[in-house]
Amino acid sequence: MKNDHKLLKIAGVLLLSAVMLLSASAVTANTGDIATKHSVQKIGNNIPSNPFKSVSRGDDIIWDMVADESWTTFEYREMVFDLSSYAGQTIQIAWRYVGIDGDSFGLDDINVDADSSAILTQGFEAGLMPPTGWTVINTNPTRNWDLVDAVTYPDFVHSGVYAAWVNYDTPNPSDEWLTTPEIDLSGFTTVSLSFWAESDTQYPTATMELHILYSGGGDTTPPVTTSVITGTNPVTITLTATDADSGVNYTTYKIDDGSYATYTGPVEVTEVGDHVVYFYSVDFAGNVETEKSKAFTVEGPTITITIKGGFGVSATIKNTGTTDLTDIDWTIALDGKLIFVGKAKSGTIAALAAGEEVIVKDFVIGFGKTGIAVSAGTEEATASGTALLFFVIGV
């Protein structure tokens, strides 16, 4: 009988040892699995509850709570971040509590503003965790993302009735994610995120990270800009940009070696000569088009002047170019010492079509040699002759 009782005790000890060994193995396996599925840079793609499974995404860490040395223990502080660099993209915002044997972390009153309009607000007042459309990834069996209420924990809620809260796990490392729904930032230029956070930095072995998850930019295609150049003087440059995804943010251009300027409408160029216009566009996702260029020429007003004598002085002004001209100022000047009448005359040709000519005249009274100068627009011609009372001869 004694031997039977002794055998039962030995069997019990062996059974208890086996249970303890299996438990230790399970803990070891679980810890290794967590380490495999998670990293500081990415949400693990093998977690069944991972909402980003099989989706290729970037992941930018833009804030680390412990790295913020000015943090005060259990102080609710508003955190503000400029997310304009993500404008035009589809993003998700994720708060990740990571580490071991740290302290708790509170989150409340989240706001995302785009071009001064609120596009996401969350104060957890519906009493749901996760809120509708949000996701959580909890890797440990206890102390996951949860809610605290202001009645029970008045110091842990920033405003209203509820706040989000997460505590550390021990001995297992914490790795808990709280993630917004997808936020479409197409068509926006300025984006900001603000939220209120509370924690305790007495335990820097755990921290809160802020991640921006984005689908590789969503829009990765730059705009397409085309140019149309018309006229010869002035030359008019018209630029048109299109972008089917996030939309065109702006178009910029420069003439020759000038500085780039934002394109707001057709540009006129009047400086005679050969030129090059350079241009490109940028969309709201930040995609920059490769610089393009197009050469053009501004033609000078092509005018010929033929001077004749006779009864006074006349000049034939002809438009030999291919463009109709308007408002052409002309002058006739004689420099003879004995020119009494007709020393100078001027006028304006209202219109002179391509290929057409106009004769302008000056009545003269005088004697002796004289120089004759005629100008029309930017062109000039000279001749010489002799005034003989009403006539100018020898021109």
Protein backbone atom coordinates (compact mmCIF):
# COMPACT_ATOMS: atom_id res chain seq x y z
CA MET A 1 0.00 0.00 0.00
CA LYS A 2 2.82 2.31 0.85
CA ASN A 3 4.52 1.47 -2.43
CA ASP A 4 1.33 2.34 -4.34
CA HIS A 5 1.07 5.68 -2.59
CA LYS A 6 4.72 6.41 -3.36
CA LEU A 7 4.21 5.55 -7.03
CA LEU A 8 1.24 7.95 -7.22
CA LYS A 9 3.34 10.80 -5.78
CA ILE A 10 6.11 10.14 -8.33
CA ALA A 11 3.57 10.11 -11.18
CA GLY A 12 2.10 13.41 -9.99
CA VAL A 13 5.50 15.07 -9.88
CA LEU A 14 6.29 13.84 -13.39
CA LEU A 15 2.93 15.09 -14.70
CA LEU A 16 3.44 18.54 -13.16
CA SER A 17 6.96 18.75 -14.64
CA ALA A 18 5.63 17.90 -18.08
CA VAL A 19 2.95 20.62 -17.88
CA MET A 20 5.52 23.23 -16.80
CA LEU A 21 7.87 22.21 -19.63
CA LEU A 22 5.09 22.49 -22.22
CA SER A 23 4.09 25.95 -20.91
CA ALA A 24 7.66 27.21 -21.08
CA SER A 25 7.95 25.91 -24.62
CA ALA A 26 4.72 27.67 -25.58
CA VAL A 27 5.93 30.97 -24.14
CA THR A 28 9.25 30.62 -25.93
CA ALA A 29 7.53 29.81 -29.22
CA ASN A 30 5.07 32.68 -28.82
CA THR A 31 7.85 35.17 -28.06
CA GLY A 32 9.81 34.02 -31.09
CA ASP A 33 6.71 34.29 -33.29
CA ILE A 34 6.11 37.87 -32.22
CA ALA A 35 9.71 38.76 -32.92
CA THR A 36 9.37 37.24 -36.38
CA LYS A 37 6.13 39.00 -37.27
CA HIS A 38 7.03 42.47 -36.15
CA SER A 39 9.75 44.98 -36.71
CA VAL A 40 10.26 48.62 -35.84
CA GLN A 41 9.88 49.60 -39.48
CA LYS A 42 6.85 47.66 -40.71
CA ILE A 43 3.60 46.10 -39.63
CA GLY A 44 4.13 42.37 -40.02
CA ASN A 45 2.40 40.99 -43.10
CA ASN A 46 1.71 37.57 -41.58
CA ILE A 47 -0.62 38.58 -38.77
CA PRO A 48 -4.13 37.34 -39.73
CA SER A 49 -5.76 40.47 -38.28
CA ASN A 50 -3.34 42.77 -40.15
CA PRO A 51 -5.50 45.05 -42.34
CA PHE A 52 -2.49 45.75 -44.57
CA LYS A 53 -1.90 42.12 -45.47
CA SER A 54 -0.76 41.68 -49.09
CA VAL A 55 -0.80 45.43 -49.65
CA SER A 56 2.51 47.04 -50.61
CA ARG A 57 2.94 50.14 -48.47
CA GLY A 58 5.54 52.54 -47.28
CA ASP A 59 5.87 53.22 -43.58
CA ASP A 60 7.30 56.47 -42.18
CA ILE A 61 7.94 56.86 -38.44
CA ILE A 62 7.53 60.56 -37.73
CA TRP A 63 7.47 60.63 -33.93
CA ASP A 64 8.92 58.66 -31.03
CA MET A 65 7.56 59.57 -27.59
CA VAL A 66 10.65 58.62 -25.58
CA ALA A 67 12.87 60.63 -27.92
CA ASP A 68 10.88 63.71 -26.91
CA GLU A 69 13.01 64.68 -23.92
CA SER A 70 10.77 67.55 -22.80
CA TRP A 71 7.86 65.23 -21.97
CA THR A 72 6.42 65.59 -18.47
CA THR A 73 5.10 62.60 -16.53
CA PHE A 74 1.32 62.15 -16.99
CA GLU A 75 0.90 65.42 -18.85
CA TYR A 76 -1.68 65.57 -21.63
CA ARG A 77 0.00 67.47 -24.41
CA GLU A 78 -1.20 68.43 -27.89
CA MET A 79 1.03 67.05 -30.62
CA VAL A 80 0.90 68.70 -34.06
CA PHE A 81 2.48 67.39 -37.25
CA ASP A 82 2.62 68.80 -40.78
CA LEU A 83 1.61 66.04 -43.20
CA SER A 84 1.61 68.21 -46.33
CA SER A 85 4.29 66.02 -47.88
CA TYR A 86 1.60 63.30 -48.14
CA ALA A 87 -0.87 65.55 -49.99
CA GLY A 88 -2.37 63.78 -52.98
CA GLN A 89 -1.79 60.33 -51.47
CA THR A 90 -3.95 57.84 -49.63
CA ILE A 91 -2.60 57.33 -46.12
CA GLN A 92 -3.37 55.73 -42.80
CA ILE A 93 -2.09 57.00 -39.45
CA ALA A 94 -0.97 54.42 -36.91
CA TRP A 95 -0.01 54.76 -33.25
CA ARG A 96 2.27 51.90 -32.19
CA TYR A 97 2.97 51.12 -28.55
CA VAL A 98 6.17 49.07 -28.49
CA GLY A 99 8.66 47.92 -25.87
CA ILE A 100 8.72 46.01 -22.61
CA ASP A 101 7.86 46.89 -18.99
CA GLY A 102 7.04 50.48 -19.89
CA ASP A 103 4.13 52.53 -18.70
CA SER A 104 0.69 53.26 -20.08
CA PHE A 105 -0.19 55.65 -22.88
CA GLY A 106 -3.32 57.75 -23.49
CA LEU A 107 -4.62 59.16 -26.79
CA ASP A 108 -7.54 61.55 -27.32
CA ASP A 109 -9.05 64.22 -29.61
CA ILE A 110 -7.46 63.31 -32.95
CA ASN A 111 -7.92 65.70 -35.88
CA VAL A 112 -6.73 65.62 -39.48
CA ASP A 113 -7.20 68.89 -41.39
CA ALA A 114 -6.68 69.27 -45.14
CA ASP A 115 -6.70 72.77 -46.64
CA SER A 116 -8.22 74.05 -43.36
CA SER A 117 -11.13 71.57 -43.44
CA ALA A 118 -11.51 68.74 -40.92
CA ILE A 119 -11.50 65.43 -42.80
CA LEU A 120 -11.08 63.11 -39.80
CA THR A 121 -11.94 63.61 -36.11
CA GLN A 122 -11.90 61.01 -33.35
CA GLY A 123 -12.47 61.54 -29.64
CA PHE A 124 -13.54 57.92 -28.89
CA GLU A 125 -16.89 59.21 -27.61
CA ALA A 126 -18.83 56.35 -29.22
CA GLY A 127 -17.31 54.05 -26.60
CA LEU A 128 -15.95 51.59 -29.17
CA MET A 129 -12.46 50.12 -29.46
CA PRO A 130 -11.58 50.11 -32.22
CA PRO A 131 -13.82 52.93 -33.46
CA THR A 132 -15.86 52.20 -36.57
CA GLY A 133 -13.56 51.90 -39.57
CA TRP A 134 -10.41 51.80 -37.43
CA THR A 135 -8.27 48.72 -36.77
CA VAL A 136 -6.18 47.41 -33.90
CA ILE A 137 -3.37 44.87 -33.89
CA ASN A 138 -2.86 43.45 -30.41
CA THR A 139 0.00 40.98 -30.07
CA ASN A 140 -0.29 40.08 -26.39
CA PRO A 141 -3.11 38.37 -24.50
CA THR A 142 -3.64 41.18 -21.97
CA ARG A 143 -3.50 44.96 -21.72
CA ASN A 144 -4.27 45.82 -25.32
CA TRP A 145 -5.70 49.00 -26.84
CA ASP A 146 -8.79 49.79 -24.82
CA LEU A 147 -10.86 52.72 -23.54
CA VAL A 148 -10.76 54.54 -20.21
CA ASP A 149 -13.68 56.62 -18.97
CA ALA A 150 -13.50 59.99 -17.28
CA VAL A 151 -15.59 58.86 -14.30
CA THR A 152 -13.22 56.09 -13.29
CA TYR A 153 -9.99 57.67 -14.55
CA PRO A 154 -10.54 61.45 -14.68
CA ASP A 155 -6.81 62.14 -15.15
CA PHE A 156 -6.51 59.81 -18.12
CA VAL A 157 -9.11 61.48 -20.39
CA HIS A 158 -8.31 64.76 -22.11
CA SER A 159 -11.89 65.78 -22.91
CA GLY A 160 -15.32 64.18 -23.08
CA VAL A 161 -16.16 60.78 -21.64
CA TYR A 162 -13.58 58.45 -23.16
CA ALA A 163 -9.96 58.25 -24.33
CA ALA A 164 -7.95 55.45 -25.95
CA TRP A 165 -5.52 53.73 -23.61
CA VAL A 166 -2.89 51.01 -23.78
CA ASN A 167 -0.78 49.44 -20.98
CA TYR A 168 2.48 47.53 -21.07
CA ASP A 169 2.67 43.75 -20.95
CA THR A 170 5.20 41.77 -18.97
CA PRO A 171 7.18 39.63 -19.48
CA ASN A 172 6.14 39.72 -23.15
CA PRO A 173 7.12 42.81 -25.19
CA SER A 174 4.30 45.16 -26.18
CA ASP A 175 3.60 45.70 -29.85
CA GLU A 176 0.10 47.14 -30.18
CA TRP A 177 -1.19 49.16 -33.16
CA LEU A 178 -4.16 51.51 -33.46
CA THR A 179 -4.78 52.62 -37.05
CA THR A 180 -7.15 55.04 -38.77
CA PRO A 181 -9.21 54.20 -41.83
CA GLU A 182 -7.72 55.14 -45.19
CA ILE A 183 -7.58 58.92 -45.66
CA ASP A 184 -7.75 60.13 -49.27
CA LEU A 185 -5.70 63.32 -49.62
CA SER A 186 -6.24 63.74 -53.38
CA GLY A 187 -6.65 67.37 -54.38
CA PHE A 188 -5.30 68.79 -51.12
CA THR A 189 -2.12 70.83 -50.67
CA THR A 190 -1.77 71.40 -46.91
CA VAL A 191 -2.44 68.62 -44.40
CA SER A 192 -1.96 68.63 -40.63
CA LEU A 193 -2.45 66.11 -37.83
CA SER A 194 -3.08 66.97 -34.20
CA PHE A 195 -3.86 64.80 -31.18
CA TRP A 196 -3.57 64.88 -27.41
CA ALA A 197 -1.25 62.34 -25.78
CA GLU A 198 -0.41 61.39 -22.20
CA SER A 199 2.27 59.06 -20.90
CA ASP A 200 4.96 58.50 -18.33
CA THR A 201 8.61 58.62 -19.34
CA GLN A 202 9.85 57.06 -16.10
CA TYR A 203 9.94 53.81 -18.05
CA PRO A 204 11.76 54.55 -21.31
CA THR A 205 11.94 50.88 -22.29
CA ALA A 206 8.55 51.32 -23.95
CA THR A 207 7.54 54.10 -26.29
CA MET A 208 4.76 55.32 -28.54
CA GLU A 209 5.59 55.70 -32.24
CA LEU A 210 3.61 57.57 -34.84
CA HIS A 211 3.61 55.93 -38.28
CA ILE A 212 2.28 57.18 -41.59
CA LEU A 213 1.31 54.30 -43.85
CA TYR A 214 0.94 55.17 -47.51
CA SER A 215 0.30 53.16 -50.64
CA GLY A 216 3.46 54.10 -52.44
CA GLY A 217 2.10 57.53 -53.17
CA GLY A 218 -1.16 56.39 -54.76
CA ASP A 219 -0.48 58.76 -57.62
CA THR A 220 3.02 58.08 -58.92
CA THR A 221 2.54 59.53 -62.40
CA PRO A 222 3.67 63.12 -63.05
CA PRO A 223 1.49 65.59 -64.96
CA VAL A 224 1.76 66.11 -68.71
CA THR A 225 2.23 69.66 -69.99
CA THR A 226 1.79 70.72 -73.61
CA SER A 227 2.66 74.03 -75.22
CA VAL A 228 1.13 75.99 -78.09
CA ILE A 229 3.10 78.90 -79.59
CA THR A 230 1.37 81.40 -81.86
CA GLY A 231 2.29 84.66 -83.58
CA THR A 232 5.61 86.10 -84.65
CA ASN A 233 5.67 89.44 -82.84
CA PRO A 234 4.48 89.23 -80.22
CA VAL A 235 4.80 85.49 -79.76
CA THR A 236 2.17 84.02 -77.41
CA ILE A 237 2.98 80.92 -75.35
CA THR A 238 0.06 78.89 -73.96
CA LEU A 239 0.74 75.99 -71.56
CA THR A 240 -1.80 73.32 -70.66
CA ALA A 241 -1.20 70.66 -67.97
CA THR A 242 -3.27 67.57 -67.16
CA ASP A 243 -3.08 64.97 -64.39
CA ALA A 244 -5.72 62.24 -64.14
CA ASP A 245 -4.89 61.18 -60.57
CA SER A 246 -4.22 63.77 -57.86
CA GLY A 247 -4.56 66.79 -60.17
CA VAL A 248 -2.18 69.53 -61.28
CA ASN A 249 -0.81 71.63 -58.43
CA TYR A 250 1.07 74.18 -60.53
CA THR A 251 2.92 74.76 -63.80
CA THR A 252 6.16 76.72 -63.96
CA TYR A 253 8.12 78.16 -66.87
CA LYS A 254 11.09 80.33 -67.82
CA ILE A 255 12.29 82.04 -71.00
CA ASP A 256 15.92 81.39 -71.98
CA ASP A 257 18.18 81.84 -68.92
CA GLY A 258 15.57 83.64 -66.84
CA SER A 259 14.13 82.52 -63.52
CA TYR A 260 11.25 80.08 -63.23
CA ALA A 261 7.84 81.64 -62.61
CA THR A 262 4.43 80.12 -61.90
CA TYR A 263 2.31 79.97 -65.04
CA THR A 264 -1.04 81.76 -64.63
CA GLY A 265 -2.02 82.39 -68.25
CA PRO A 266 -0.72 82.95 -71.79
CA VAL A 267 2.70 84.63 -71.92
CA GLU A 268 3.70 87.18 -74.58
CA VAL A 269 7.30 87.61 -75.74
CA THR A 270 8.25 90.67 -77.82
CA GLU A 271 12.05 90.68 -77.72
CA VAL A 272 13.21 90.12 -81.30
CA GLY A 273 15.36 87.04 -81.81
CA ASP A 274 15.55 83.30 -81.13
CA HIS A 275 14.32 82.03 -77.74
CA VAL A 276 13.56 78.84 -75.81
CA VAL A 277 10.74 78.37 -73.30
CA TYR A 278 11.31 75.74 -70.56
CA PHE A 279 8.39 74.36 -68.57
CA TYR A 280 7.11 71.54 -66.34
CA SER A 281 4.26 70.83 -63.92
CA VAL A 282 3.89 69.32 -60.42
CA ASP A 283 0.83 67.44 -59.17
CA PHE A 284 -0.73 67.36 -55.71
CA ALA A 285 1.04 64.07 -54.94
CA GLY A 286 4.38 65.80 -55.43
CA ASN A 287 5.22 64.12 -58.74
CA VAL A 288 7.45 66.41 -60.82
CA GLU A 289 7.30 66.31 -64.59
CA THR A 290 10.57 66.15 -66.50
CA GLU A 291 11.46 69.59 -67.81
CA LYS A 292 10.36 70.24 -71.40
CA SER A 293 11.41 72.95 -73.83
CA LYS A 294 10.39 74.48 -77.14
CA ALA A 295 12.27 76.92 -79.37
CA PHE A 296 10.61 79.90 -81.05
CA THR A 297 11.54 83.13 -82.84
CA VAL A 298 10.20 86.62 -82.39
CA GLU A 299 10.41 88.35 -85.76
CA GLY A 300 11.27 92.01 -86.03
CA PRO A 301 8.84 94.26 -87.92
CA THR A 302 10.19 93.91 -91.48
CA ILE A 303 9.92 97.35 -93.11
CA THR A 304 11.75 98.78 -96.10
CA ILE A 305 12.02 102.53 -96.77
CA THR A 306 12.66 104.04 -100.21
CA ILE A 307 13.36 107.79 -100.38
CA LYS A 308 12.56 109.87 -103.48
CA GLY A 309 12.88 113.54 -104.45
CA GLY A 310 10.82 115.62 -106.80
CA PHE A 311 8.17 118.02 -105.65
CA GLY A 312 9.29 117.92 -102.02
CA VAL A 313 10.41 114.62 -100.49
CA SER A 314 8.52 111.32 -100.41
CA ALA A 315 9.20 107.92 -98.83
CA THR A 316 7.68 104.56 -99.68
CA ILE A 317 7.22 102.46 -96.53
CA LYS A 318 6.59 98.79 -97.28
CA ASN A 319 5.77 95.87 -94.99
CA THR A 320 7.88 93.03 -96.40
CA GLY A 321 7.15 90.67 -93.52
CA THR A 322 4.43 88.06 -93.06
CA THR A 323 2.61 89.79 -90.22
CA ASP A 324 0.24 92.72 -90.46
CA LEU A 325 1.56 95.81 -88.66
CA THR A 326 -0.29 98.56 -86.84
CA ASP A 327 0.50 102.02 -85.45
CA ILE A 328 3.78 102.59 -87.30
CA ASP A 329 5.28 105.97 -86.40
CA TRP A 330 7.25 107.67 -89.19
CA THR A 331 9.34 110.85 -89.56
CA ILE A 332 11.00 112.77 -92.40
CA ALA A 333 13.83 115.17 -91.46
CA LEU A 334 15.99 117.49 -93.66
CA ASP A 335 19.17 119.06 -92.25
CA GLY A 336 20.00 121.64 -94.98
CA LYS A 337 20.97 125.09 -93.68
CA LEU A 338 18.62 126.86 -96.13
CA ILE A 339 15.54 124.66 -95.67
CA PHE A 340 12.80 127.15 -94.78
CA VAL A 341 9.74 124.86 -94.91
CA GLY A 342 9.59 121.08 -94.45
CA LYS A 343 12.55 120.66 -92.17
CA ALA A 344 10.66 117.92 -90.24
CA LYS A 345 7.40 116.04 -90.55
CA SER A 346 5.93 113.02 -88.72
CA GLY A 347 2.85 110.85 -88.60
CA THR A 348 1.47 107.39 -87.85
CA ILE A 349 0.38 104.64 -90.22
CA ALA A 350 -2.60 103.05 -88.53
CA ALA A 351 -2.31 99.71 -90.34
CA LEU A 352 0.00 98.19 -92.90
CA ALA A 353 -0.82 94.69 -94.06
CA ALA A 354 1.89 92.23 -95.03
CA GLY A 355 3.10 93.03 -98.55
CA GLU A 356 1.47 96.44 -98.70
CA GLU A 357 3.14 99.87 -98.92
CA VAL A 358 2.32 103.47 -98.05
CA ILE A 359 3.84 106.68 -99.43
CA VAL A 360 4.41 109.56 -97.01
CA LYS A 361 5.40 113.09 -98.24
CA ASP A 362 6.94 116.32 -96.97
CA PHE A 363 6.41 119.71 -98.72
CA VAL A 364 9.72 121.57 -98.92
CA ILE A 365 10.82 125.16 -99.62
CA GLY A 366 14.57 125.80 -99.60
CA PHE A 367 17.89 125.95 -101.35
CA GLY A 368 21.14 124.02 -101.27
CA LYS A 369 22.40 120.59 -100.27
CA THR A 370 20.51 118.69 -97.58
CA GLY A 371 20.61 115.35 -95.83
CA ILE A 372 17.36 113.40 -95.68
CA ALA A 373 16.55 110.91 -92.89
CA VAL A 374 13.36 108.82 -92.81
CA SER A 375 12.31 106.45 -90.02
CA ALA A 376 9.37 104.07 -89.82
CA GLY A 377 8.92 102.00 -86.69
CA THR A 378 12.40 100.78 -85.79
CA GLU A 379 13.77 101.06 -89.31
CA GLU A 380 15.73 104.03 -90.69
CA ALA A 381 16.97 105.16 -94.12
CA THR A 382 19.05 108.13 -95.27
CA ALA A 383 19.75 109.95 -98.54
CA SER A 384 21.06 113.29 -99.76
CA GLY A 385 19.91 115.81 -102.37
CA THR A 386 19.68 119.46 -103.29
CA ALA A 387 16.72 121.72 -102.51
CA LEU A 388 15.72 124.03 -105.34
CA LEU A 389 12.82 126.13 -104.09
CA PHE A 390 9.89 123.63 -104.11
CA PHE A 391 11.89 120.74 -105.50
CA VAL A 392 14.46 118.32 -104.12
CA ILE A 393 16.68 116.93 -106.84
CA GLY A 394 19.61 114.52 -107.07
CA VAL A 395 18.22 112.05 -104.53
